């Protein structure tokens, strides 16, 4: 037991490495605040394109299928290490942002599309009868109802996106996992990795609880 505590719960090492972990946690939060909104915006834009003509709808579906099937880690390495050969250098943060725009945007698209399809067709006709322009009908009538229908799925997807920000460590973005691995390499101890895992839990647990409440509410309303 003492050996386990020494290897995984070493408070002395944690007292030396906490500032690295704190910096990494701050960058993880900043990264999440960057990639979640751009993923949501991209997903909504793609979902709206799916409501256009057959050609645009098919092209959008192909785009969404491609980036849902492509592993995000492979996509990130391709953007970061592959694009420079074509003369395009996005840098680490730019590559991460582009990766999440494409990958999480594709997943958010399917969530928004399901929500919009779940809104009764008569709602759009009713909005037109009230004199609302298409953009107004979308903003005031269709989207609020669509979001309510798929809110648990949006929260669940957001939870996965925030967890996935850890892949940014692969391109040397100094987020939480990257800093924990740096501390581990310096101390030759697993305590920084354990501390990083606990930090992720603290950051994400509120979202997990919100998701549970939303799913319970949806289950009650479906009975």
Protein backbone atom coordinates (compact mmCIF):
# COMPACT_ATOMS: atom_id res chain seq x y z
CA UNK A 1 0.00 0.00 0.00
CA UNK A 2 2.85 2.36 0.81
CA UNK A 3 4.44 1.66 -2.57
CA UNK A 4 1.12 2.39 -4.29
CA UNK A 5 0.79 5.72 -2.48
CA UNK A 6 4.39 6.57 -3.30
CA UNK A 7 3.85 5.87 -7.01
CA UNK A 8 0.37 7.31 -7.53
CA UNK A 9 -0.53 9.59 -4.59
CA UNK A 10 2.72 11.29 -3.71
CA UNK A 11 1.80 14.59 -2.07
CA UNK A 12 5.39 15.81 -2.13
CA UNK A 13 5.56 15.51 -5.90
CA UNK A 14 2.10 17.03 -6.22
CA UNK A 15 3.23 20.07 -4.22
CA UNK A 16 6.05 20.57 -6.72
CA UNK A 17 3.98 19.95 -9.86
CA UNK A 18 0.68 21.66 -8.98
CA UNK A 19 1.57 24.88 -10.80
CA UNK A 20 2.17 22.98 -14.05
CA UNK A 21 -1.18 21.23 -13.66
CA UNK A 22 -2.91 24.52 -12.86
CA UNK A 23 -1.50 26.10 -16.03
CA UNK A 24 -2.60 23.05 -18.02
CA UNK A 25 -6.11 23.16 -16.54
CA UNK A 26 -6.38 26.84 -17.50
CA UNK A 27 -5.39 26.05 -21.07
CA UNK A 28 -7.83 23.14 -21.20
CA UNK A 29 -10.63 25.48 -20.18
CA UNK A 30 -9.49 28.06 -22.76
CA UNK A 31 -9.32 25.35 -25.42
CA UNK A 32 -12.82 24.15 -24.56
CA UNK A 33 -14.16 27.71 -24.76
CA UNK A 34 -12.65 27.89 -28.25
CA UNK A 35 -13.60 24.54 -29.76
CA UNK A 36 -17.11 24.05 -28.36
CA UNK A 37 -18.57 27.27 -29.87
CA UNK A 38 -16.93 26.73 -33.27
CA UNK A 39 -18.17 23.13 -33.30
CA UNK A 40 -21.70 24.25 -32.43
CA UNK A 41 -21.63 26.96 -35.10
CA UNK A 42 -20.30 24.57 -37.74
CA UNK A 43 -22.83 21.91 -36.79
CA UNK A 44 -25.74 24.32 -36.99
CA UNK A 45 -24.56 25.65 -40.35
CA UNK A 46 -24.25 22.13 -41.75
CA UNK A 47 -27.68 21.17 -40.39
CA UNK A 48 -29.21 24.16 -42.15
CA UNK A 49 -27.45 23.19 -45.39
CA UNK A 50 -29.15 19.79 -45.10
CA UNK A 51 -32.46 21.63 -45.53
CA UNK A 52 -31.43 22.92 -48.97
CA UNK A 53 -31.80 21.24 -52.36
CA UNK A 54 -30.93 17.59 -53.04
CA UNK A 55 -27.43 18.32 -54.44
CA UNK A 56 -26.41 20.46 -51.45
CA UNK A 57 -27.98 17.95 -49.07
CA UNK A 58 -26.04 15.04 -50.57
CA UNK A 59 -22.75 16.99 -50.55
CA UNK A 60 -23.30 17.98 -46.92
CA UNK A 61 -24.14 14.40 -45.94
CA UNK A 62 -20.92 13.18 -47.60
CA UNK A 63 -18.92 15.84 -45.76
CA UNK A 64 -20.49 14.93 -42.42
CA UNK A 65 -19.99 11.18 -42.95
CA UNK A 66 -16.33 11.74 -43.87
CA UNK A 67 -15.44 13.69 -40.74
CA UNK A 68 -17.51 11.49 -38.44
CA UNK A 69 -15.65 8.43 -39.75
CA UNK A 70 -12.16 9.98 -39.67
CA UNK A 71 -10.49 9.57 -36.24
CA UNK A 72 -9.94 13.03 -34.75
CA UNK A 73 -6.35 12.22 -33.76
CA UNK A 74 -5.52 11.26 -37.36
CA UNK A 75 -7.23 14.42 -38.58
CA UNK A 76 -5.29 16.58 -36.13
CA UNK A 77 -1.93 15.12 -37.14
CA UNK A 78 -2.84 15.53 -40.81
CA UNK A 79 -3.68 19.20 -40.28
CA UNK A 80 -0.64 19.90 -38.10
CA UNK A 81 2.03 17.83 -39.82
CA UNK A 82 0.59 17.28 -43.30
CA UNK A 83 -0.66 20.70 -44.42
CA UNK A 84 2.80 22.35 -44.12
CA UNK A 85 3.88 20.20 -47.09
CA UNK A 86 1.24 22.08 -49.09
CA UNK A 87 2.54 25.42 -47.81
CA UNK A 88 -0.24 25.83 -45.20
CA UNK A 89 0.92 26.14 -41.60
CA UNK A 90 -1.95 26.50 -39.14
CA UNK A 91 0.20 26.16 -36.05
CA UNK A 92 -0.75 24.07 -33.03
CA UNK A 93 -3.79 26.05 -31.86
CA UNK A 94 -5.02 26.63 -35.42
CA UNK A 95 -4.74 22.91 -36.20
CA UNK A 96 -6.67 22.00 -33.07
CA UNK A 97 -9.37 24.56 -33.86
CA UNK A 98 -9.70 23.31 -37.46
CA UNK A 99 -9.78 19.68 -36.29
CA UNK A 100 -12.64 20.32 -33.87
CA UNK A 101 -14.50 22.51 -36.34
CA UNK A 102 -14.54 19.63 -38.82
CA UNK A 103 -14.96 16.69 -36.42
CA UNK A 104 -17.25 18.03 -33.71
CA UNK A 105 -19.11 20.13 -36.29
CA UNK A 106 -20.04 16.93 -38.10
CA UNK A 107 -21.40 15.37 -34.89
CA UNK A 108 -23.24 18.51 -33.81
CA UNK A 109 -24.75 18.64 -37.30
CA UNK A 110 -26.47 15.31 -36.78
CA UNK A 111 -27.82 16.44 -33.41
CA UNK A 112 -29.21 19.70 -34.79
CA UNK A 113 -30.58 17.93 -37.86
CA UNK A 114 -32.45 15.45 -35.68
CA UNK A 115 -33.86 18.32 -33.62
CA UNK A 116 -35.05 20.24 -36.67
CA UNK A 117 -36.65 17.11 -38.12
CA UNK A 118 -38.45 16.56 -34.83
CA UNK A 119 -40.23 19.93 -34.98
CA UNK A 120 -43.75 19.43 -36.43
CA UNK A 121 -44.06 20.59 -40.04
CA UNK A 122 -47.00 22.78 -39.16
CA UNK A 123 -44.78 25.04 -37.05
CA UNK A 124 -43.02 26.42 -40.11
CA UNK A 125 -46.34 26.99 -41.88
CA UNK A 126 -47.73 28.71 -38.79
CA UNK A 127 -44.71 31.02 -38.64
CA UNK A 128 -45.18 31.93 -42.31
CA UNK A 129 -48.87 32.59 -41.69
CA UNK A 130 -47.89 35.03 -38.95
CA UNK A 131 -45.78 36.94 -41.44
CA UNK A 132 -42.38 35.84 -40.17
CA UNK A 133 -39.59 35.72 -42.71
CA UNK A 134 -37.72 32.37 -43.05
CA UNK A 135 -34.78 33.60 -40.97
CA UNK A 136 -37.12 34.89 -38.26
CA UNK A 137 -39.10 31.65 -38.28
CA UNK A 138 -35.89 29.69 -37.88
CA UNK A 139 -34.56 31.86 -35.05
CA UNK A 140 -37.80 32.40 -33.14
CA UNK A 141 -39.83 29.25 -33.79
CA UNK A 142 -37.90 26.30 -35.18
CA UNK A 143 -34.51 26.46 -33.45
CA UNK A 144 -35.81 26.95 -29.88
CA UNK A 145 -38.04 23.90 -30.25
CA UNK A 146 -35.30 21.86 -31.94
CA UNK A 147 -32.79 22.66 -29.20
CA UNK A 148 -35.26 21.67 -26.47
CA UNK A 149 -35.83 18.33 -28.21
CA UNK A 150 -32.13 17.44 -28.40
CA UNK A 151 -30.71 19.31 -25.40
CA UNK A 152 -29.49 16.11 -23.67
CA UNK A 153 -27.71 15.09 -26.87
CA UNK A 154 -26.11 18.53 -27.20
CA UNK A 155 -24.84 18.36 -23.61
CA UNK A 156 -23.59 14.80 -24.12
CA UNK A 157 -21.76 15.78 -27.28
CA UNK A 158 -20.25 18.81 -25.56
CA UNK A 159 -19.01 16.57 -22.75
CA UNK A 160 -17.26 14.36 -25.29
CA UNK A 161 -15.74 17.37 -27.06
CA UNK A 162 -14.27 18.72 -23.83
CA UNK A 163 -12.79 15.30 -23.00
CA UNK A 164 -11.38 15.07 -26.52
CA UNK A 165 -9.39 18.31 -26.06
CA UNK A 166 -6.73 16.10 -24.46
CA UNK A 167 -5.58 15.11 -27.97
CA UNK A 168 -4.17 18.63 -28.30
CA UNK A 169 -1.22 17.40 -26.23
CA UNK A 170 -0.07 15.46 -29.33
CA UNK A 171 0.75 18.74 -31.11
CA UNK A 172 2.36 20.25 -28.00
CA UNK A 173 -0.51 22.47 -26.89
CA UNK A 174 0.29 22.79 -23.19
CA UNK A 175 -3.11 21.71 -21.91
CA UNK A 176 -3.73 19.58 -18.84
CA UNK A 177 -2.58 16.20 -20.15
CA UNK A 178 0.53 17.69 -21.79
CA UNK A 179 1.56 19.39 -18.55
CA UNK A 180 0.86 16.24 -16.53
CA UNK A 181 3.07 14.21 -18.85
CA UNK A 182 5.79 16.86 -18.58
CA UNK A 183 5.61 16.68 -14.79
CA UNK A 184 5.69 12.88 -14.92
CA UNK A 185 8.79 12.89 -17.11
CA UNK A 186 10.54 15.21 -14.64
CA UNK A 187 9.50 13.40 -11.45
CA UNK A 188 9.43 9.80 -12.75
CA UNK A 189 6.17 9.36 -10.88
CA UNK A 190 2.53 8.78 -11.92
CA UNK A 191 1.06 11.22 -9.40
CA UNK A 192 0.76 14.12 -11.93
CA UNK A 193 -1.27 11.87 -14.27
CA UNK A 194 -3.58 10.86 -11.42
CA UNK A 195 -3.96 14.53 -10.47
CA UNK A 196 -4.80 15.39 -14.08
CA UNK A 197 -7.48 12.66 -14.14
CA UNK A 198 -9.01 14.05 -10.93
CA UNK A 199 -8.92 17.57 -12.40
CA UNK A 200 -10.81 16.38 -15.48
CA UNK A 201 -13.37 14.81 -13.15
CA UNK A 202 -13.84 18.07 -11.22
CA UNK A 203 -14.18 20.06 -14.45
CA UNK A 204 -16.61 17.67 -16.14
CA UNK A 205 -18.68 16.34 -13.26
CA UNK A 206 -21.16 19.29 -13.38
CA UNK A 207 -21.83 18.55 -17.06
CA UNK A 208 -22.32 14.87 -16.24
CA UNK A 209 -24.88 15.75 -13.56
CA UNK A 210 -26.69 18.16 -15.88
CA UNK A 211 -26.82 15.45 -18.54
CA UNK A 212 -28.26 12.95 -16.04
CA UNK A 213 -30.98 15.39 -15.00
CA UNK A 214 -31.88 16.14 -18.62
CA UNK A 215 -32.07 12.46 -19.51
CA UNK A 216 -34.26 11.78 -16.48
CA UNK A 217 -36.57 14.66 -17.47
CA UNK A 218 -36.80 13.33 -21.04
CA UNK A 219 -37.59 9.85 -19.75
CA UNK A 220 -40.38 11.18 -17.50
CA UNK A 221 -41.89 13.24 -20.32
CA UNK A 222 -41.92 10.24 -22.65
CA UNK A 223 -44.02 8.13 -20.25
